C-alpha atoms as a PDB file:
ATOM      1  CA  UNK A   1      -0.045  -0.048  -0.004  1.00  0.00           C
ATOM      2  CA  UNK A   2       2.845   2.344   0.752  1.00  0.00           C
ATOM      3  CA  UNK A   3       4.300   2.010  -2.748  1.00  0.00           C
ATOM      4  CA  UNK A   4       0.847   2.854  -4.232  1.00  0.00           C
ATOM      5  CA  UNK A   5       0.739   5.992  -2.122  1.00  0.00           C
ATOM      6  CA  UNK A   6       4.137   6.993  -3.330  1.00  0.00           C
ATOM      7  CA  UNK A   7       3.165   6.389  -6.917  1.00  0.00           C
ATOM      8  CA  UNK A   8       0.085   8.533  -6.703  1.00  0.00           C
ATOM      9  CA  UNK A   9       1.999  11.329  -5.010  1.00  0.00           C
ATOM     10  CA  UNK A  10       4.620  11.157  -7.722  1.00  0.00           C
ATOM     11  CA  UNK A  11       2.062  11.383 -10.443  1.00  0.00           C
ATOM     12  CA  UNK A  12       0.057  14.283  -8.996  1.00  0.00           C
ATOM     13  CA  UNK A  13       3.017  16.496  -8.069  1.00  0.00           C
ATOM     14  CA  UNK A  14       5.456  15.654 -10.895  1.00  0.00           C
ATOM     15  CA  UNK A  15       7.469  18.714 -11.967  1.00  0.00           C
ATOM     16  CA  UNK A  16       9.151  17.029 -14.937  1.00  0.00           C
ATOM     17  CA  UNK A  17      12.717  17.210 -13.625  1.00  0.00           C
ATOM     18  CA  UNK A  18      13.650  14.009 -15.533  1.00  0.00           C
ATOM     19  CA  UNK A  19      15.539  12.249 -12.761  1.00  0.00           C
ATOM     20  CA  UNK A  20      13.266   9.220 -13.187  1.00  0.00           C
ATOM     21  CA  UNK A  21      13.932   9.068 -16.924  1.00  0.00           C
ATOM     22  CA  UNK A  22      17.631   8.466 -16.367  1.00  0.00           C
ATOM     23  CA  UNK A  23      16.980   5.922 -13.601  1.00  0.00           C
ATOM     24  CA  UNK A  24      14.522   3.674 -15.448  1.00  0.00           C
ATOM     25  CA  UNK A  25      16.251   0.485 -16.431  1.00  0.00           C
ATOM     26  CA  UNK A  26      13.736  -0.214 -19.172  1.00  0.00           C
ATOM     27  CA  UNK A  27      13.727   3.304 -20.657  1.00  0.00           C
ATOM     28  CA  UNK A  28       9.926   3.555 -20.614  1.00  0.00           C
ATOM     29  CA  UNK A  29       9.669   7.018 -18.981  1.00  0.00           C
ATOM     30  CA  UNK A  30       9.512  10.172 -21.040  1.00  0.00           C
ATOM     31  CA  UNK A  31       8.871  13.854 -20.193  1.00  0.00           C
ATOM     32  CA  UNK A  32       5.779  15.118 -22.057  1.00  0.00           C
ATOM     33  CA  UNK A  33       4.176  18.440 -21.555  1.00  0.00           C
ATOM     34  CA  UNK A  34       6.286  18.985 -18.444  1.00  0.00           C
ATOM     35  CA  UNK A  35       5.463  15.752 -16.541  1.00  0.00           C
ATOM     36  CA  UNK A  36       6.880  12.265 -16.501  1.00  0.00           C
ATOM     37  CA  UNK A  37       4.835   9.743 -18.461  1.00  0.00           C
ATOM     38  CA  UNK A  38       5.425   6.038 -17.914  1.00  0.00           C
ATOM     39  CA  UNK A  39       4.866   3.952 -21.035  1.00  0.00           C
ATOM     40  CA  UNK A  40       4.191   0.298 -21.690  1.00  0.00           C
ATOM     41  CA  UNK A  41       6.945  -1.984 -20.483  1.00  0.00           C
ATOM     42  CA  UNK A  42       7.070  -0.723 -16.918  1.00  0.00           C
ATOM     43  CA  UNK A  43       7.854  -3.578 -14.558  1.00  0.00           C
ATOM     44  CA  UNK A  44       7.073  -1.621 -11.387  1.00  0.00           C
ATOM     45  CA  UNK A  45      10.606  -1.987 -10.099  1.00  0.00           C
ATOM     46  CA  UNK A  46      10.285   1.294  -8.071  1.00  0.00           C
ATOM     47  CA  UNK A  47      13.645   2.730  -9.127  1.00  0.00           C
ATOM     48  CA  UNK A  48      12.015   5.885 -10.415  1.00  0.00           C
ATOM     49  CA  UNK A  49      10.195   6.396  -7.101  1.00  0.00           C
ATOM     50  CA  UNK A  50      13.429   5.960  -5.126  1.00  0.00           C
ATOM     51  CA  UNK A  51      15.074   8.927  -6.842  1.00  0.00           C
ATOM     52  CA  UNK A  52      12.080  11.179  -7.212  1.00  0.00           C
ATOM     53  CA  UNK A  53      12.528  14.453  -5.267  1.00  0.00           C
ATOM     54  CA  UNK A  54       8.802  14.946  -5.091  1.00  0.00           C
ATOM     55  CA  UNK A  55       8.334  11.658  -3.252  1.00  0.00           C
ATOM     56  CA  UNK A  56      11.376  12.245  -1.049  1.00  0.00           C
ATOM     57  CA  UNK A  57      10.750  15.869  -0.098  1.00  0.00           C
ATOM     58  CA  UNK A  58       7.067  16.498  -1.157  1.00  0.00           C
END
């Protein structure tokens, strides 16, 4: 449940910094219209959430 909460917080407050794009091992995250968009192929590894400043400090 905690990971779901972090994912929702990440999505709602995303500022498009791009840190998650670089961290994604499957290269399925892109910045579109100023926010991160996770595409098909996401395996829910959580590496993007671990580095997200919104999740850490938001």
